[in-house]
Amino acid sequence: MSIRVRFFASLREQMGYSEKSIAFEGLATVSDVLERLDKARILDAQVLYAVNMEYANSDTPVKDGDEVAFFPPVTGGGP
């Protein structure tokens, strides 16, 4: 029983890994997942979340087997 956690772009470098599996026990929301992660305190408040490839927020429920992804805000533009 676990949740797959993934980090993209600059967050991968900040965390020191791109993927991690954490035990599901005691997790109910994305916020709980963040609290369980080591180094999570270094993540910017602007970080975006996704659960199973769908945008989410910190209160989004998680369940056993889910994938929770964290990524920096997307900026774009150009001519």
PDB file of N, CA and C in Angstrom:
ATOM      1  N   MET A   1       0.838  -1.162   0.000  1.00  0.00           N
ATOM      2  CA  MET A   1       0.000   0.000   0.000  1.00  0.00           C
ATOM      3  C   MET A   1       0.895   1.241   0.000  1.00  0.00           C
ATOM      4  N   SER A   2       0.892   1.919  -1.135  1.00  0.00           N
ATOM      5  CA  SER A   2       1.772   3.084  -1.239  1.00  0.00           C
ATOM      6  C   SER A   2       1.241   4.091  -2.252  1.00  0.00           C
ATOM      7  N   ILE A   3       1.856   5.245  -2.227  1.00  0.00           N
ATOM      8  CA  ILE A   3       1.570   6.318  -3.171  1.00  0.00           C
ATOM      9  C   ILE A   3       2.873   6.642  -3.885  1.00  0.00           C
ATOM     10  N   ARG A   4       2.788   6.817  -5.188  1.00  0.00           N
ATOM     11  CA  ARG A   4       3.948   7.198  -5.988  1.00  0.00           C
ATOM     12  C   ARG A   4       3.988   8.723  -6.057  1.00  0.00           C
ATOM     13  N   VAL A   5       5.103   9.306  -5.656  1.00  0.00           N
ATOM     14  CA  VAL A   5       5.266  10.758  -5.659  1.00  0.00           C
ATOM     15  C   VAL A   5       6.315  11.109  -6.707  1.00  0.00           C
ATOM     16  N   ARG A   6       5.987  12.097  -7.548  1.00  0.00           N
ATOM     17  CA  ARG A   6       6.913  12.504  -8.613  1.00  0.00           C
ATOM     18  C   ARG A   6       7.153  14.005  -8.552  1.00  0.00           C
ATOM     19  N   PHE A   7       8.374  14.393  -8.920  1.00  0.00           N
ATOM     20  CA  PHE A   7       8.772  15.798  -8.970  1.00  0.00           C
ATOM     21  C   PHE A   7       9.281  16.111 -10.364  1.00  0.00           C
ATOM     22  N   PHE A   8       8.894  17.257 -10.880  1.00  0.00           N
ATOM     23  CA  PHE A   8       9.265  17.634 -12.230  1.00  0.00           C
ATOM     24  C   PHE A   8      10.055  18.935 -12.258  1.00  0.00           C
ATOM     25  N   ALA A   9      10.835  19.090 -13.323  1.00  0.00           N
ATOM     26  CA  ALA A   9      11.597  20.311 -13.616  1.00  0.00           C
ATOM     27  C   ALA A   9      12.502  20.669 -12.443  1.00  0.00           C
ATOM     28  N   SER A  10      12.506  21.930 -12.037  1.00  0.00           N
ATOM     29  CA  SER A  10      13.424  22.395 -10.991  1.00  0.00           C
ATOM     30  C   SER A  10      13.156  21.721  -9.645  1.00  0.00           C
ATOM     31  N   LEU A  11      11.955  21.238  -9.421  1.00  0.00           N
ATOM     32  CA  LEU A  11      11.650  20.575  -8.144  1.00  0.00           C
ATOM     33  C   LEU A  11      12.437  19.286  -7.996  1.00  0.00           C
ATOM     34  N   ARG A  12      12.691  18.635  -9.100  1.00  0.00           N
ATOM     35  CA  ARG A  12      13.483  17.396  -9.088  1.00  0.00           C
ATOM     36  C   ARG A  12      14.875  17.690  -8.505  1.00  0.00           C
ATOM     37  N   GLU A  13      15.480  18.787  -8.940  1.00  0.00           N
ATOM     38  CA  GLU A  13      16.801  19.142  -8.431  1.00  0.00           C
ATOM     39  C   GLU A  13      16.736  19.582  -6.960  1.00  0.00           C
ATOM     40  N   GLN A  14      15.702  20.328  -6.606  1.00  0.00           N
ATOM     41  CA  GLN A  14      15.570  20.789  -5.220  1.00  0.00           C
ATOM     42  C   GLN A  14      15.413  19.625  -4.248  1.00  0.00           C
ATOM     43  N   MET A  15      14.625  18.633  -4.639  1.00  0.00           N
ATOM     44  CA  MET A  15      14.373  17.503  -3.757  1.00  0.00           C
ATOM     45  C   MET A  15      15.520  16.496  -3.777  1.00  0.00           C
ATOM     46  N   GLY A  16      16.251  16.430  -4.889  1.00  0.00           N
ATOM     47  CA  GLY A  16      17.348  15.473  -4.996  1.00  0.00           C
ATOM     48  C   GLY A  16      16.924  14.133  -5.566  1.00  0.00           C
ATOM     49  N   TYR A  17      15.685  14.018  -5.990  1.00  0.00           N
ATOM     50  CA  TYR A  17      15.182  12.803  -6.633  1.00  0.00           C
ATOM     51  C   TYR A  17      13.957  13.166  -7.462  1.00  0.00           C
ATOM     52  N   SER A  18      13.629  12.329  -8.422  1.00  0.00           N
ATOM     53  CA  SER A  18      12.473  12.608  -9.278  1.00  0.00           C
ATOM     54  C   SER A  18      11.240  11.812  -8.880  1.00  0.00           C
ATOM     55  N   GLU A  19      11.449  10.740  -8.145  1.00  0.00           N
ATOM     56  CA  GLU A  19      10.330   9.868  -7.803  1.00  0.00           C
ATOM     57  C   GLU A  19      10.599   9.178  -6.469  1.00  0.00           C
ATOM     58  N   LYS A  20       9.512   8.944  -5.751  1.00  0.00           N
ATOM     59  CA  LYS A  20       9.624   8.288  -4.452  1.00  0.00           C
ATOM     60  C   LYS A  20       8.314   7.576  -4.166  1.00  0.00           C
ATOM     61  N   SER A  21       8.394   6.457  -3.514  1.00  0.00           N
ATOM     62  CA  SER A  21       7.210   5.739  -3.070  1.00  0.00           C
ATOM     63  C   SER A  21       7.105   5.924  -1.563  1.00  0.00           C
ATOM     64  N   ILE A  22       5.914   6.305  -1.096  1.00  0.00           N
ATOM     65  CA  ILE A  22       5.722   6.462   0.347  1.00  0.00           C
ATOM     66  C   ILE A  22       4.535   5.609   0.795  1.00  0.00           C
ATOM     67  N   ALA A  23       4.588   5.165   2.026  1.00  0.00           N
ATOM     68  CA  ALA A  23       3.518   4.334   2.577  1.00  0.00           C
ATOM     69  C   ALA A  23       2.217   5.129   2.620  1.00  0.00           C
ATOM     70  N   PHE A  24       1.140   4.480   2.241  1.00  0.00           N
ATOM     71  CA  PHE A  24      -0.161   5.135   2.203  1.00  0.00           C
ATOM     72  C   PHE A  24      -0.742   5.363   3.602  1.00  0.00           C
ATOM     73  N   GLU A  25      -0.407   4.523   4.536  1.00  0.00           N
ATOM     74  CA  GLU A  25      -0.996   4.590   5.870  1.00  0.00           C
ATOM     75  C   GLU A  25      -0.953   6.001   6.448  1.00  0.00           C
ATOM     76  N   GLY A  26      -2.096   6.505   6.864  1.00  0.00           N
ATOM     77  CA  GLY A  26      -2.199   7.804   7.506  1.00  0.00           C
ATOM     78  C   GLY A  26      -2.338   8.984   6.560  1.00  0.00           C
ATOM     79  N   LEU A  27      -2.403   8.725   5.272  1.00  0.00           N
ATOM     80  CA  LEU A  27      -2.535   9.810   4.304  1.00  0.00           C
ATOM     81  C   LEU A  27      -3.984   9.952   3.854  1.00  0.00           C
ATOM     82  N   ALA A  28      -4.464  11.190   3.805  1.00  0.00           N
ATOM     83  CA  ALA A  28      -5.829  11.431   3.340  1.00  0.00           C
ATOM     84  C   ALA A  28      -5.873  12.452   2.214  1.00  0.00           C
ATOM     85  N   THR A  29      -4.908  13.395   2.209  1.00  0.00           N
ATOM     86  CA  THR A  29      -4.927  14.483   1.225  1.00  0.00           C
ATOM     87  C   THR A  29      -3.520  14.745   0.676  1.00  0.00           C
ATOM     88  N   VAL A  30      -3.457  15.562  -0.358  1.00  0.00           N
ATOM     89  CA  VAL A  30      -2.173  15.979  -0.921  1.00  0.00           C
ATOM     90  C   VAL A  30      -1.327  16.654   0.157  1.00  0.00           C
ATOM     91  N   SER A  31      -1.955  17.439   1.004  1.00  0.00           N
ATOM     92  CA  SER A  31      -1.241  18.099   2.097  1.00  0.00           C
ATOM     93  C   SER A  31      -0.552  17.082   3.006  1.00  0.00           C
ATOM     94  N   ASP A  32      -1.211  15.977   3.292  1.00  0.00           N
ATOM     95  CA  ASP A  32      -0.608  14.916   4.107  1.00  0.00           C
ATOM     96  C   ASP A  32       0.624  14.333   3.414  1.00  0.00           C
ATOM     97  N   VAL A  33       0.539  14.169   2.106  1.00  0.00           N
ATOM     98  CA  VAL A  33       1.675  13.655   1.332  1.00  0.00           C
ATOM     99  C   VAL A  33       2.857  14.611   1.478  1.00  0.00           C
ATOM    100  N   LEU A  34       2.599  15.906   1.322  1.00  0.00           N
ATOM    101  CA  LEU A  34       3.663  16.905   1.459  1.00  0.00           C
ATOM    102  C   LEU A  34       4.318  16.838   2.831  1.00  0.00           C
ATOM    103  N   GLU A  35       3.512  16.709   3.866  1.00  0.00           N
ATOM    104  CA  GLU A  35       4.049  16.662   5.224  1.00  0.00           C
ATOM    105  C   GLU A  35       4.929  15.437   5.442  1.00  0.00           C
ATOM    106  N   ARG A  36       4.631  14.359   4.761  1.00  0.00           N
ATOM    107  CA  ARG A  36       5.382  13.113   4.925  1.00  0.00           C
ATOM    108  C   ARG A  36       6.754  13.166   4.235  1.00  0.00           C
ATOM    109  N   LEU A  37       6.894  14.030   3.248  1.00  0.00           N
ATOM    110  CA  LEU A  37       8.131  14.073   2.473  1.00  0.00           C
ATOM    111  C   LEU A  37       9.254  14.778   3.218  1.00  0.00           C
ATOM    112  N   ASP A  38      10.428  14.196   3.158  1.00  0.00           N
ATOM    113  CA  ASP A  38      11.592  14.904   3.670  1.00  0.00           C
ATOM    114  C   ASP A  38      11.909  16.043   2.706  1.00  0.00           C
ATOM    115  N   LYS A  39      12.419  17.107   3.190  1.00  0.00           N
ATOM    116  CA  LYS A  39      12.788  18.281   2.394  1.00  0.00           C
ATOM    117  C   LYS A  39      11.588  19.047   1.841  1.00  0.00           C
ATOM    118  N   ALA A  40      10.371  18.666   2.144  1.00  0.00           N
ATOM    119  CA  ALA A  40       9.201  19.347   1.566  1.00  0.00           C
ATOM    120  C   ALA A  40       9.183  20.826   1.927  1.00  0.00           C
ATOM    121  N   ARG A  41       9.812  21.176   3.014  1.00  0.00           N
ATOM    122  CA  ARG A  41       9.823  22.579   3.440  1.00  0.00           C
ATOM    123  C   ARG A  41      10.513  23.485   2.428  1.00  0.00           C
ATOM    124  N   ILE A  42      11.334  22.920   1.535  1.00  0.00           N
ATOM    125  CA  ILE A  42      12.029  23.752   0.555  1.00  0.00           C
ATOM    126  C   ILE A  42      11.151  24.079  -0.650  1.00  0.00           C
ATOM    127  N   LEU A  43       9.993  23.446  -0.746  1.00  0.00           N
ATOM    128  CA  LEU A  43       9.117  23.695  -1.889  1.00  0.00           C
ATOM    129  C   LEU A  43       8.425  25.042  -1.752  1.00  0.00           C
ATOM    130  N   ASP A  44       8.385  25.759  -2.812  1.00  0.00           N
ATOM    131  CA  ASP A  44       7.762  27.079  -2.883  1.00  0.00           C
ATOM    132  C   ASP A  44       6.242  26.950  -2.743  1.00  0.00           C
ATOM    133  N   ALA A  45       5.618  27.949  -2.195  1.00  0.00           N
ATOM    134  CA  ALA A  45       4.152  27.958  -2.045  1.00  0.00           C
ATOM    135  C   ALA A  45       3.445  27.962  -3.393  1.00  0.00           C
ATOM    136  N   GLN A  46       4.152  28.297  -4.453  1.00  0.00           N
ATOM    137  CA  GLN A  46       3.575  28.353  -5.792  1.00  0.00           C
ATOM    138  C   GLN A  46       3.532  26.992  -6.490  1.00  0.00           C
ATOM    139  N   VAL A  47       4.040  25.953  -5.832  1.00  0.00           N
ATOM    140  CA  VAL A  47       4.092  24.623  -6.440  1.00  0.00           C
ATOM    141  C   VAL A  47       2.687  24.160  -6.814  1.00  0.00           C
ATOM    142  N   LEU A  48       2.575  23.536  -7.975  1.00  0.00           N
ATOM    143  CA  LEU A  48       1.301  22.979  -8.440  1.00  0.00           C
ATOM    144  C   LEU A  48       1.265  21.493  -8.139  1.00  0.00           C
ATOM    145  N   TYR A  49       0.049  20.963  -7.993  1.00  0.00           N
ATOM    146  CA  TYR A  49      -0.144  19.554  -7.650  1.00  0.00           C
ATOM    147  C   TYR A  49      -1.008  18.876  -8.702  1.00  0.00           C
ATOM    148  N   ALA A  50      -0.794  17.575  -8.832  1.00  0.00           N
ATOM    149  CA  ALA A  50      -1.676  16.748  -9.655  1.00  0.00           C
ATOM    150  C   ALA A  50      -1.820  15.392  -8.970  1.00  0.00           C
ATOM    151  N   VAL A  51      -3.016  14.846  -9.034  1.00  0.00           N
ATOM    152  CA  VAL A  51      -3.266  13.492  -8.546  1.00  0.00           C
ATOM    153  C   VAL A  51      -3.755  12.696  -9.743  1.00  0.00           C
ATOM    154  N   ASN A  52      -3.013  11.662 -10.074  1.00  0.00           N
ATOM    155  CA  ASN A  52      -3.332  10.830 -11.234  1.00  0.00           C
ATOM    156  C   ASN A  52      -3.508  11.673 -12.504  1.00  0.00           C
ATOM    157  N   MET A  53      -2.565  12.596 -12.706  1.00  0.00           N
ATOM    158  CA  MET A  53      -2.481  13.449 -13.890  1.00  0.00           C
ATOM    159  C   MET A  53      -3.634  14.441 -14.034  1.00  0.00           C
ATOM    160  N   GLU A  54      -4.307  14.762 -12.937  1.00  0.00           N
ATOM    161  CA  GLU A  54      -5.359  15.775 -12.929  1.00  0.00           C
ATOM    162  C   GLU A  54      -4.965  16.841 -11.923  1.00  0.00           C
ATOM    163  N   TYR A  55      -5.058  18.122 -12.327  1.00  0.00           N
ATOM    164  CA  TYR A  55      -4.736  19.199 -11.402  1.00  0.00           C
ATOM    165  C   TYR A  55      -5.482  18.996 -10.089  1.00  0.00           C
ATOM    166  N   ALA A  56      -4.806  19.346  -8.999  1.00  0.00           N
ATOM    167  CA  ALA A  56      -5.372  19.140  -7.666  1.00  0.00           C
ATOM    168  C   ALA A  56      -4.983  20.318  -6.778  1.00  0.00           C
ATOM    169  N   ASN A  57      -5.503  20.313  -5.561  1.00  0.00           N
ATOM    170  CA  ASN A  57      -5.070  21.291  -4.562  1.00  0.00           C
ATOM    171  C   ASN A  57      -4.672  20.530  -3.306  1.00  0.00           C
ATOM    172  N   SER A  58      -4.261  21.239  -2.295  1.00  0.00           N
ATOM    173  CA  SER A  58      -3.736  20.574  -1.098  1.00  0.00           C
ATOM    174  C   SER A  58      -4.796  19.756  -0.362  1.00  0.00           C
ATOM    175  N   ASP A  59      -6.072  20.059  -0.579  1.00  0.00           N
ATOM    176  CA  ASP A  59      -7.156  19.324   0.086  1.00  0.00           C
ATOM    177  C   ASP A  59      -7.685  18.154  -0.731  1.00  0.00           C
ATOM    178  N   THR A  60      -7.133  17.923  -1.913  1.00  0.00           N
ATOM    179  CA  THR A  60      -7.592  16.820  -2.756  1.00  0.00           C
ATOM    180  C   THR A  60      -7.308  15.484  -2.067  1.00  0.00           C
ATOM    181  N   PRO A  61      -8.302  14.616  -1.976  1.00  0.00           N
ATOM    182  CA  PRO A  61      -8.094  13.312  -1.342  1.00  0.00           C
ATOM    183  C   PRO A  61      -7.146  12.429  -2.161  1.00  0.00           C
ATOM    184  N   VAL A  62      -6.416  11.584  -1.463  1.00  0.00           N
ATOM    185  CA  VAL A  62      -5.560  10.584  -2.103  1.00  0.00           C
ATOM    186  C   VAL A  62      -5.961   9.212  -1.587  1.00  0.00           C
ATOM    187  N   LYS A  63      -5.701   8.205  -2.421  1.00  0.00           N
ATOM    188  CA  LYS A  63      -5.988   6.835  -2.008  1.00  0.00           C
ATOM    189  C   LYS A  63      -4.821   5.938  -2.389  1.00  0.00           C
ATOM    190  N   ASP A  64      -4.803   4.770  -1.843  1.00  0.00           N
ATOM    191  CA  ASP A  64      -3.742   3.811  -2.100  1.00  0.00           C
ATOM    192  C   ASP A  64      -3.572   3.615  -3.602  1.00  0.00           C
ATOM    193  N   GLY A  65      -2.332   3.654  -4.061  1.00  0.00           N
ATOM    194  CA  GLY A  65      -2.026   3.437  -5.470  1.00  0.00           C
ATOM    195  C   GLY A  65      -2.012   4.696  -6.315  1.00  0.00           C
ATOM    196  N   ASP A  66      -2.403   5.829  -5.751  1.00  0.00           N
ATOM    197  CA  ASP A  66      -2.407   7.082  -6.514  1.00  0.00           C
ATOM    198  C   ASP A  66      -0.995   7.535  -6.848  1.00  0.00           C
ATOM    199  N   GLU A  67      -0.919   8.389  -7.869  1.00  0.00           N
ATOM    200  CA  GLU A  67       0.315   9.095  -8.196  1.00  0.00           C
ATOM    201  C   GLU A  67       0.080  10.567  -7.888  1.00  0.00           C
ATOM    202  N   VAL A  68       0.938  11.139  -7.070  1.00  0.00           N
ATOM    203  CA  VAL A  68       0.855  12.558  -6.726  1.00  0.00           C
ATOM    204  C   VAL A  68       2.093  13.227  -7.312  1.00  0.00           C
ATOM    205  N   ALA A  69       1.870  14.245  -8.132  1.00  0.00           N
ATOM    206  CA  ALA A  69       2.976  14.932  -8.790  1.00  0.00           C
ATOM    207  C   ALA A  69       3.035  16.382  -8.333  1.00  0.00           C
ATOM    208  N   PHE A  70       4.250  16.891  -8.245  1.00  0.00           N
ATOM    209  CA  PHE A  70       4.502  18.277  -7.876  1.00  0.00           C
ATOM    210  C   PHE A  70       5.324  18.904  -8.987  1.00  0.00           C
ATOM    211  N   PHE A  71       4.935  20.102  -9.398  1.00  0.00           N
ATOM    212  CA  PHE A  71       5.680  20.778 -10.469  1.00  0.00           C
ATOM    213  C   PHE A  71       5.584  22.279 -10.285  1.00  0.00           C
ATOM    214  N   PRO A  72       6.602  23.001 -10.806  1.00  0.00           N
ATOM    215  CA  PRO A  72       6.604  24.457 -10.656  1.00  0.00           C
ATOM    216  C   PRO A  72       5.560  25.073 -11.565  1.00  0.00           C
ATOM    217  N   PRO A  73       5.157  26.303 -11.247  1.00  0.00           N
ATOM    218  CA  PRO A  73       4.211  26.998 -12.117  1.00  0.00           C
ATOM    219  C   PRO A  73       4.774  27.080 -13.538  1.00  0.00           C
ATOM    220  N   VAL A  74       3.899  26.928 -14.486  1.00  0.00           N
ATOM    221  CA  VAL A  74       4.307  26.956 -15.877  1.00  0.00           C
ATOM    222  C   VAL A  74       4.224  28.393 -16.362  1.00  0.00           C
ATOM    223  N   THR A  75       5.315  28.851 -16.896  1.00  0.00           N
ATOM    224  CA  THR A  75       5.297  30.174 -17.513  1.00  0.00           C
ATOM    225  C   THR A  75       5.603  29.980 -18.977  1.00  0.00           C
ATOM    226  N   GLY A  76       5.090  30.808 -19.739  1.00  0.00           N
ATOM    227  CA  GLY A  76       5.305  30.645 -21.169  1.00  0.00           C
ATOM    228  C   GLY A  76       5.286  31.985 -21.834  1.00  0.00           C
ATOM    229  N   GLY A  77       5.044  31.915 -23.057  1.00  0.00           N
ATOM    230  CA  GLY A  77       4.983  33.167 -23.794  1.00  0.00           C
ATOM    231  C   GLY A  77       6.025  33.167 -24.882  1.00  0.00           C
ATOM    232  N   GLY A  78       6.387  34.305 -25.207  1.00  0.00           N
ATOM    233  CA  GLY A  78       7.324  34.462 -26.301  1.00  0.00           C
ATOM    234  C   GLY A  78       6.599  35.032 -27.487  1.00  0.00           C
ATOM    235  N   PRO A  79       7.355  35.440 -28.444  1.00  0.00           N
ATOM    236  CA  PRO A  79       6.735  36.077 -29.611  1.00  0.00           C
ATOM    237  C   PRO A  79       5.931  35.115 -30.452  1.00  0.00           C
TER     238      PRO A  79
END
